[in-house]
Amino acid sequence: MDREVREAIAAGERALNSLKYAKEDLDSARSWGIADLLGGGSIIGLMKHSKMNHAVSHMEEAKSNLRVFQRELQDVTVNTDLNLEVGDFLTFADFFFDGVVADYLVQSKISDARKQVDRAIRQVSQIVSSLRRMG
């Protein structure tokens, strides 16, 4: 297998790993968020935010890994546009203005992030599979 292809596969696998960790944290945050919507209280809210912070950390790592993956793909002439955005601006509103509307907005943000992560996992998986067939 060509060195550039191997490097691209390795970069893709690193990106996939960080994306999968982010997905796990987002799934957990979603579950805690549902409990929060049902009146879970401050401990539930803290758990949700802890999982959201872990997810943000893994998503930032994934963004970095995706940038490396994109650079490696240029070496094997595979062009793609992988993009992952994450924001935590609603955390403040949810924590300090705890209520059904803020909780719902945070759940919506978690859901959007989960969709982005799922889409990125599918894209990276497909590209890594294609790279393996090339080698």
Protein backbone atom coordinates (compact mmCIF):
# COMPACT_ATOMS: atom_id res chain seq x y z
CA MET A 1 0.00 0.00 0.00
CA ASP A 2 1.28 3.44 -0.89
CA ARG A 3 2.68 5.46 2.02
CA GLU A 4 0.34 8.42 1.39
CA VAL A 5 -2.68 6.11 1.39
CA ARG A 6 -1.57 4.50 4.68
CA GLU A 7 -1.09 7.93 6.24
CA ALA A 8 -4.53 9.04 5.06
CA ILE A 9 -6.12 5.86 6.46
CA ALA A 10 -4.39 6.38 9.83
CA ALA A 11 -5.54 10.02 9.94
CA GLY A 12 -9.07 8.95 9.05
CA GLU A 13 -9.09 6.35 11.80
CA ARG A 14 -7.94 8.94 14.36
CA ALA A 15 -10.74 11.24 13.22
CA LEU A 16 -13.26 8.40 13.46
CA ASN A 17 -12.17 7.55 16.99
CA SER A 18 -12.58 11.11 18.24
CA LEU A 19 -15.93 11.40 16.44
CA LYS A 20 -17.15 8.20 18.07
CA TYR A 21 -16.14 9.46 21.53
CA ALA A 22 -18.00 12.71 20.82
CA LYS A 23 -21.07 10.73 19.75
CA GLU A 24 -21.01 8.71 22.97
CA ASP A 25 -20.82 11.89 25.04
CA LEU A 26 -23.59 13.55 23.02
CA ASP A 27 -25.80 10.48 23.44
CA SER A 28 -25.20 10.62 27.18
CA ALA A 29 -25.82 14.39 27.30
CA ARG A 30 -29.06 13.81 25.40
CA SER A 31 -30.19 11.27 28.00
CA TRP A 32 -29.30 13.58 30.88
CA GLY A 33 -31.03 16.41 29.00
CA ILE A 34 -34.25 14.42 28.76
CA ALA A 35 -34.08 13.84 32.51
CA ASP A 36 -33.47 17.57 32.95
CA LEU A 37 -36.55 18.38 30.84
CA LEU A 38 -38.57 16.13 33.11
CA GLY A 39 -37.54 18.20 36.13
CA GLY A 40 -34.29 16.52 37.08
CA GLY A 41 -32.89 19.32 39.19
CA SER A 42 -29.43 20.79 39.58
CA ILE A 43 -27.49 17.49 39.86
CA ILE A 44 -29.02 16.28 36.60
CA GLY A 45 -28.20 19.63 34.99
CA LEU A 46 -24.59 19.38 36.17
CA MET A 47 -24.29 15.85 34.76
CA LYS A 48 -25.71 17.00 31.44
CA HIS A 49 -23.26 19.89 31.26
CA SER A 50 -20.37 17.62 32.19
CA LYS A 51 -21.24 15.31 29.28
CA MET A 52 -21.68 18.31 26.99
CA ASN A 53 -18.24 19.60 27.97
CA HIS A 54 -16.71 16.20 27.26
CA ALA A 55 -18.48 16.14 23.90
CA VAL A 56 -17.20 19.62 23.04
CA SER A 57 -13.67 18.50 23.91
CA HIS A 58 -13.95 15.41 21.72
CA MET A 59 -15.50 17.44 18.90
CA GLU A 60 -12.63 19.92 19.03
CA GLU A 61 -10.23 16.98 18.87
CA ALA A 62 -12.24 15.59 15.96
CA LYS A 63 -12.06 18.93 14.13
CA SER A 64 -8.29 18.90 14.50
CA ASN A 65 -8.11 15.27 13.33
CA LEU A 66 -10.40 16.05 10.39
CA ARG A 67 -8.12 18.89 9.29
CA VAL A 68 -5.16 16.49 9.33
CA PHE A 69 -7.25 13.93 7.44
CA GLN A 70 -8.14 16.52 4.79
CA ARG A 71 -4.45 17.35 4.32
CA GLU A 72 -3.57 13.67 4.00
CA LEU A 73 -6.36 13.19 1.46
CA GLN A 74 -4.82 15.90 -0.72
CA ASP A 75 -1.72 13.70 -0.98
CA VAL A 76 -3.81 10.91 -2.50
CA THR A 77 -5.88 13.26 -4.68
CA VAL A 78 -9.16 12.64 -2.88
CA ASN A 79 -11.05 15.88 -2.42
CA THR A 80 -13.72 16.22 0.21
CA ASP A 81 -15.23 18.91 2.38
CA LEU A 82 -15.53 17.69 5.94
CA ASN A 83 -16.90 20.30 8.29
CA LEU A 84 -17.82 20.02 11.96
CA GLU A 85 -19.11 22.96 13.98
CA VAL A 86 -19.84 23.02 17.68
CA GLY A 87 -20.91 25.77 20.02
CA ASP A 88 -21.75 25.88 23.68
CA PHE A 89 -23.32 29.32 23.94
CA LEU A 90 -26.60 27.86 25.20
CA THR A 91 -24.92 26.30 28.24
CA PHE A 92 -24.97 29.62 30.06
CA ALA A 93 -28.66 30.17 29.40
CA ASP A 94 -29.54 26.62 30.38
CA PHE A 95 -27.56 26.67 33.62
CA PHE A 96 -28.62 30.08 34.90
CA PHE A 97 -32.10 30.36 33.46
CA ASP A 98 -33.09 26.77 33.98
CA GLY A 99 -36.49 26.26 32.51
CA VAL A 100 -38.31 24.24 29.91
CA VAL A 101 -37.53 26.63 27.02
CA ALA A 102 -33.79 26.77 27.76
CA ASP A 103 -33.68 22.99 28.31
CA TYR A 104 -35.46 22.44 25.00
CA LEU A 105 -32.98 24.72 23.19
CA VAL A 106 -30.03 22.80 24.65
CA GLN A 107 -31.64 19.50 23.63
CA SER A 108 -32.04 20.91 20.13
CA LYS A 109 -28.35 21.92 20.07
CA ILE A 110 -27.32 18.45 21.26
CA SER A 111 -29.48 16.89 18.55
CA ASP A 112 -27.92 19.12 15.87
CA ALA A 113 -24.42 18.22 17.05
CA ARG A 114 -25.30 14.50 17.03
CA LYS A 115 -26.48 14.80 13.42
CA GLN A 116 -23.24 16.56 12.41
CA VAL A 117 -21.15 13.90 14.14
CA ASP A 118 -23.16 11.09 12.53
CA ARG A 119 -22.74 12.70 9.11
CA ALA A 120 -18.99 13.12 9.64
CA ILE A 121 -18.66 9.49 10.82
CA ARG A 122 -20.42 8.28 7.66
CA GLN A 123 -18.27 10.47 5.40
CA VAL A 124 -14.98 9.53 7.02
CA SER A 125 -15.92 5.83 7.12
CA GLN A 126 -16.77 5.85 3.41
CA ILE A 127 -13.53 7.61 2.49
CA VAL A 128 -11.39 5.30 4.65
CA SER A 129 -13.11 2.30 3.05
CA SER A 130 -12.35 3.70 -0.40
CA LEU A 131 -8.73 4.27 0.59
CA ARG A 132 -8.42 0.68 1.79
CA ARG A 133 -9.71 -0.56 -1.57
CA MET A 134 -7.11 1.61 -3.33
CA GLY A 135 -4.28 -0.02 -1.40
